[in-house]
Amino acid sequence: MAIFKYMGVIGAEKFFDKLTVRITEPHKYNDPFELRVNFKSKNILSYGRSKIESVVLHSIKNSLKRYVIDSDEIEFYQHDIDQNILEEICEKVGTTCFTISKETKPVNVLMWAHYADCHRGIAIEFNENSDVIKYSSPVTYASRRPIYDAKALDDLDSVSLSELYVKSSEWKYENEIRLAQRLEDCELENGIYVTNIPIDSISKVFIGVNADYKLKELALNFHKKTNIPIIFTKISETDFSFEVTQVYEK
């Protein structure tokens, strides 16, 4: 197993310069269903302020899970509660995303295309035992959106952010885990939140097959400063994959 972060050209340039990665706010995600939590009730209820006032960033607690309404029960829950009741809380945090791979090389063609500027960017391999990965949580993929019993709004005072990482099964190819951070703990550069990555969390960096000369030069300079291995790749001649062409190691 290996864990990669695919990055486009601009992100890669900033990473090589300052060892930063982007922390994305929920309203800028590429999935409009992200962190939108649905609550329903069997009875007409008048909720004032929900007791849920905070999200826990790094937790395996599944407090909200027990309030998921079974599909064969949903017909009895006819009353919608404020669909955006957690939005204000969630907008105070952001995430950066990684992909779990069974391969030792980043060979996910779609990830290179969608998140690494059509193979012009990079894929960073992270050490599995680093804090960056230890504090990351997996995304759950589902065929239907979870709908929660509104009783949760009275019973809970906090939820784990990882419980809200639910995406359509169509995103399964990403095999995603996420690291969450409060935006107030990040740096803001030209309207984009970034956070520093500890150098000992990085195993190696793969350069996309369409990367230009400038990015390759930045990668080699990064290697000289940090001794982190840089791996150049090319298109495989036999299948829809990639082959290593050059490796710059310690």
Protein backbone atom coordinates (compact mmCIF):
# COMPACT_ATOMS: atom_id res chain seq x y z
CA MET A 1 0.00 0.00 0.00
CA ALA A 2 1.12 3.56 -0.72
CA ILE A 3 -0.42 6.98 -0.05
CA PHE A 4 -0.16 9.76 -2.63
CA LYS A 5 -1.20 13.37 -3.00
CA TYR A 6 -1.70 14.48 -6.61
CA MET A 7 -1.03 18.18 -7.23
CA GLY A 8 -1.29 20.52 -10.20
CA VAL A 9 1.51 22.74 -11.48
CA ILE A 10 0.83 25.80 -9.29
CA GLY A 11 0.48 23.67 -6.16
CA ALA A 12 3.62 21.73 -7.07
CA GLU A 13 5.64 24.92 -7.51
CA LYS A 14 4.57 26.15 -4.07
CA PHE A 15 5.30 22.76 -2.55
CA PHE A 16 8.84 22.71 -3.96
CA ASP A 17 9.39 26.28 -2.75
CA LYS A 18 7.81 26.26 0.72
CA LEU A 19 6.73 22.67 1.49
CA THR A 20 3.08 23.72 1.60
CA VAL A 21 -0.15 22.11 0.42
CA ARG A 22 -3.54 23.69 -0.06
CA ILE A 23 -6.26 23.45 2.57
CA THR A 24 -9.58 23.70 0.72
CA GLU A 25 -12.72 25.21 2.24
CA PRO A 26 -15.93 23.14 1.86
CA HIS A 27 -17.63 25.61 -0.52
CA LYS A 28 -14.72 25.18 -2.95
CA TYR A 29 -14.90 21.37 -3.15
CA ASN A 30 -15.63 19.88 -6.57
CA ASP A 31 -18.56 17.86 -5.19
CA PRO A 32 -21.69 19.95 -4.40
CA PHE A 33 -22.93 17.33 -1.93
CA GLU A 34 -19.92 17.73 0.38
CA LEU A 35 -20.73 18.22 4.07
CA ARG A 36 -24.41 18.87 3.36
CA VAL A 37 -26.18 17.07 6.17
CA ASN A 38 -29.86 16.12 5.89
CA PHE A 39 -32.06 15.90 8.99
CA LYS A 40 -35.65 14.68 9.05
CA SER A 41 -38.23 14.20 11.77
CA LYS A 42 -41.35 12.10 12.20
CA ASN A 43 -43.12 15.04 13.81
CA ILE A 44 -43.30 18.76 13.14
CA LEU A 45 -40.59 20.22 15.31
CA SER A 46 -39.53 23.75 15.99
CA TYR A 47 -35.79 23.82 16.55
CA GLY A 48 -34.08 26.88 17.84
CA ARG A 49 -30.31 26.63 17.94
CA SER A 50 -28.96 23.11 17.58
CA LYS A 51 -26.87 21.77 20.46
CA ILE A 52 -24.25 20.80 17.85
CA GLU A 53 -21.81 23.67 18.10
CA SER A 54 -18.50 22.13 17.10
CA VAL A 55 -16.84 19.49 14.96
CA VAL A 56 -13.97 17.32 16.15
CA LEU A 57 -11.23 17.31 13.53
CA HIS A 58 -9.34 14.13 14.34
CA SER A 59 -11.57 11.47 15.84
CA ILE A 60 -12.92 8.01 15.06
CA LYS A 61 -16.01 8.72 17.15
CA ASN A 62 -19.19 7.75 15.30
CA SER A 63 -21.76 9.62 17.35
CA LEU A 64 -23.85 10.67 14.33
CA LYS A 65 -23.88 7.26 12.69
CA ARG A 66 -26.46 5.82 15.06
CA TYR A 67 -28.96 8.46 13.90
CA VAL A 68 -28.91 7.38 10.24
CA ILE A 69 -32.46 6.57 9.14
CA ASP A 70 -32.83 3.17 7.47
CA SER A 71 -34.17 3.27 3.92
CA ASP A 72 -37.24 1.22 4.88
CA GLU A 73 -38.06 3.74 7.63
CA ILE A 74 -37.58 6.96 5.69
CA GLU A 75 -41.24 7.17 4.61
CA PHE A 76 -42.19 7.83 8.23
CA TYR A 77 -39.94 10.90 8.39
CA GLN A 78 -41.92 13.50 6.49
CA HIS A 79 -40.56 16.71 7.99
CA ASP A 80 -37.34 18.36 6.82
CA ILE A 81 -35.16 20.25 9.27
CA ASP A 82 -32.76 23.04 8.29
CA GLN A 83 -30.51 21.42 5.68
CA ASN A 84 -27.61 23.78 6.35
CA ILE A 85 -27.52 23.58 10.11
CA LEU A 86 -23.84 22.56 10.18
CA GLU A 87 -22.64 24.83 7.39
CA GLU A 88 -21.51 27.63 9.69
CA ILE A 89 -19.38 25.19 11.67
CA CYS A 90 -17.92 23.40 8.66
CA GLU A 91 -16.93 26.65 6.97
CA LYS A 92 -14.37 27.19 9.73
CA VAL A 93 -12.34 24.18 8.63
CA GLY A 94 -10.73 22.89 5.46
CA THR A 95 -9.11 19.69 4.26
CA THR A 96 -6.32 18.38 2.10
CA CYS A 97 -6.79 15.04 0.38
CA PHE A 98 -4.73 11.91 -0.30
CA THR A 99 -5.24 8.70 -2.25
CA ILE A 100 -4.60 5.19 -0.93
CA SER A 101 -3.13 2.95 -3.61
CA LYS A 102 -2.44 -0.77 -3.80
CA GLU A 103 0.37 0.07 -6.20
CA THR A 104 3.79 1.32 -5.15
CA LYS A 105 3.70 3.89 -7.96
CA PRO A 106 0.99 6.53 -8.59
CA VAL A 107 -0.63 4.90 -11.61
CA ASN A 108 -4.18 6.22 -11.19
CA VAL A 109 -4.75 7.78 -14.62
CA LEU A 110 -7.89 9.64 -13.52
CA MET A 111 -6.20 11.17 -10.49
CA TRP A 112 -3.33 12.42 -12.65
CA ALA A 113 -5.84 13.88 -15.13
CA HIS A 114 -8.23 15.46 -12.61
CA TYR A 115 -5.90 16.66 -9.85
CA ALA A 116 -2.45 16.98 -11.42
CA ASP A 117 -3.19 19.25 -14.38
CA CYS A 118 -3.54 16.49 -16.97
CA HIS A 119 -0.30 14.76 -15.89
CA ARG A 120 1.69 18.03 -15.83
CA GLY A 121 1.94 18.08 -12.03
CA ILE A 122 3.28 15.76 -9.36
CA ALA A 123 2.31 12.96 -6.99
CA ILE A 124 3.83 13.10 -3.52
CA GLU A 125 4.20 9.80 -1.68
CA PHE A 126 3.71 10.12 2.09
CA ASN A 127 5.11 7.96 4.86
CA GLU A 128 2.29 5.85 6.26
CA ASN A 129 3.46 6.39 9.84
CA SER A 130 3.72 10.18 9.60
CA ASP A 131 1.41 12.38 11.66
CA VAL A 132 -0.05 13.76 8.42
CA ILE A 133 -1.44 10.32 7.61
CA LYS A 134 -2.15 9.22 11.19
CA TYR A 135 -4.50 12.17 11.62
CA SER A 136 -6.23 11.64 8.28
CA SER A 137 -9.66 10.00 8.02
CA PRO A 138 -11.18 7.91 5.21
CA VAL A 139 -14.03 8.97 2.97
CA THR A 140 -17.08 6.69 2.90
CA TYR A 141 -18.62 5.93 -0.50
CA ALA A 142 -22.34 5.22 -0.67
CA SER A 143 -25.12 4.69 -3.21
CA ARG A 144 -27.49 7.00 -1.30
CA ARG A 145 -27.06 10.07 0.85
CA PRO A 146 -27.38 9.46 4.59
CA ILE A 147 -30.38 11.12 6.20
CA TYR A 148 -30.28 11.61 9.96
CA ASP A 149 -32.97 11.58 12.61
CA ALA A 150 -33.37 15.15 13.86
CA LYS A 151 -33.11 13.87 17.43
CA ALA A 152 -29.35 14.15 16.92
CA LEU A 153 -29.69 17.93 17.05
CA ASP A 154 -30.90 17.72 20.62
CA ASP A 155 -28.74 14.82 21.77
CA LEU A 156 -25.29 15.77 20.48
CA ASP A 157 -23.12 18.77 21.22
CA SER A 158 -20.39 17.85 18.71
CA VAL A 159 -19.76 15.54 15.77
CA SER A 160 -16.61 14.15 14.24
CA LEU A 161 -15.86 15.81 10.90
CA SER A 162 -14.92 12.42 9.46
CA GLU A 163 -18.54 11.29 9.89
CA LEU A 164 -19.50 13.86 7.26
CA TYR A 165 -17.05 12.51 4.66
CA VAL A 166 -19.69 10.71 2.61
CA LYS A 167 -19.54 10.78 -1.19
CA SER A 168 -21.29 9.06 -4.06
CA SER A 169 -19.91 5.67 -5.08
CA GLU A 170 -18.94 7.28 -8.39
CA TRP A 171 -15.99 8.88 -6.56
CA LYS A 172 -14.66 5.54 -5.36
CA TYR A 173 -11.73 5.62 -7.78
CA GLU A 174 -10.18 8.30 -5.53
CA ASN A 175 -9.93 5.96 -2.51
CA GLU A 176 -9.57 9.12 -0.48
CA ILE A 177 -8.42 10.02 3.01
CA ARG A 178 -8.44 13.58 4.37
CA LEU A 179 -6.51 15.70 6.79
CA ALA A 180 -8.63 18.45 8.36
CA GLN A 181 -7.36 21.74 9.75
CA ARG A 182 -8.94 24.83 11.19
CA LEU A 183 -8.59 27.70 8.76
CA GLU A 184 -7.38 29.99 11.53
CA ASP A 185 -4.32 27.74 11.88
CA CYS A 186 -3.44 28.02 8.17
CA GLU A 187 -1.66 30.70 6.17
CA LEU A 188 -3.62 32.71 3.61
CA GLU A 189 -1.75 33.31 0.35
CA ASN A 190 -3.53 35.16 -2.46
CA GLY A 191 -6.91 33.99 -1.20
CA ILE A 192 -5.81 30.36 -0.79
CA TYR A 193 -5.26 28.64 2.55
CA VAL A 194 -2.09 26.56 2.85
CA THR A 195 -0.34 24.58 5.55
CA ASN A 196 3.23 23.40 5.93
CA ILE A 197 4.07 19.73 5.57
CA PRO A 198 6.78 18.23 7.82
CA ILE A 199 9.63 17.11 5.61
CA ASP A 200 9.95 13.76 7.39
CA SER A 201 6.40 12.88 6.30
CA ILE A 202 7.45 12.77 2.64
CA SER A 203 8.82 9.59 1.11
CA LYS A 204 9.37 10.61 -2.52
CA VAL A 205 7.94 12.74 -5.33
CA PHE A 206 6.85 11.47 -8.77
CA ILE A 207 6.88 13.87 -11.71
CA GLY A 208 4.01 13.63 -14.24
CA VAL A 209 4.67 12.44 -17.77
CA ASN A 210 3.62 15.82 -19.20
CA ALA A 211 5.61 17.97 -16.76
CA ASP A 212 7.56 20.79 -18.40
CA TYR A 213 11.25 21.62 -18.07
CA LYS A 214 10.63 24.33 -15.44
CA LEU A 215 8.86 21.97 -13.03
CA LYS A 216 11.52 19.30 -13.51
CA GLU A 217 14.21 21.85 -12.65
CA LEU A 218 12.30 22.88 -9.52
CA ALA A 219 12.03 19.21 -8.56
CA LEU A 220 15.76 18.65 -8.94
CA ASN A 221 16.57 21.76 -6.90
CA PHE A 222 14.15 20.52 -4.24
CA HIS A 223 15.98 17.19 -4.21
CA LYS A 224 19.35 18.91 -3.75
CA LYS A 225 18.01 20.86 -0.75
CA THR A 226 16.11 18.05 0.95
CA ASN A 227 17.53 14.72 -0.33
CA ILE A 228 13.95 13.58 -0.95
CA PRO A 229 13.96 11.20 -3.95
CA ILE A 230 12.58 12.56 -7.22
CA ILE A 231 11.25 10.11 -9.80
CA PHE A 232 10.66 10.96 -13.46
CA THR A 233 8.13 8.89 -15.39
CA LYS A 234 7.06 8.09 -18.93
CA ILE A 235 4.05 6.46 -20.57
CA SER A 236 4.19 2.66 -20.59
CA GLU A 237 4.57 1.10 -24.02
CA THR A 238 2.56 -2.00 -23.07
CA ASP A 239 -0.43 -0.88 -20.97
CA PHE A 240 -2.30 2.15 -19.62
CA SER A 241 0.28 2.86 -16.95
CA PHE A 242 3.56 4.64 -16.32
CA GLU A 243 7.19 3.58 -16.09
CA VAL A 244 10.08 5.05 -14.14
CA THR A 245 12.70 6.70 -16.35
CA GLN A 246 15.05 8.35 -13.85
CA VAL A 247 15.42 8.25 -10.08
CA TYR A 248 17.30 10.90 -8.12
CA GLU A 249 17.99 9.53 -4.65
CA LYS A 250 20.10 10.50 -1.66
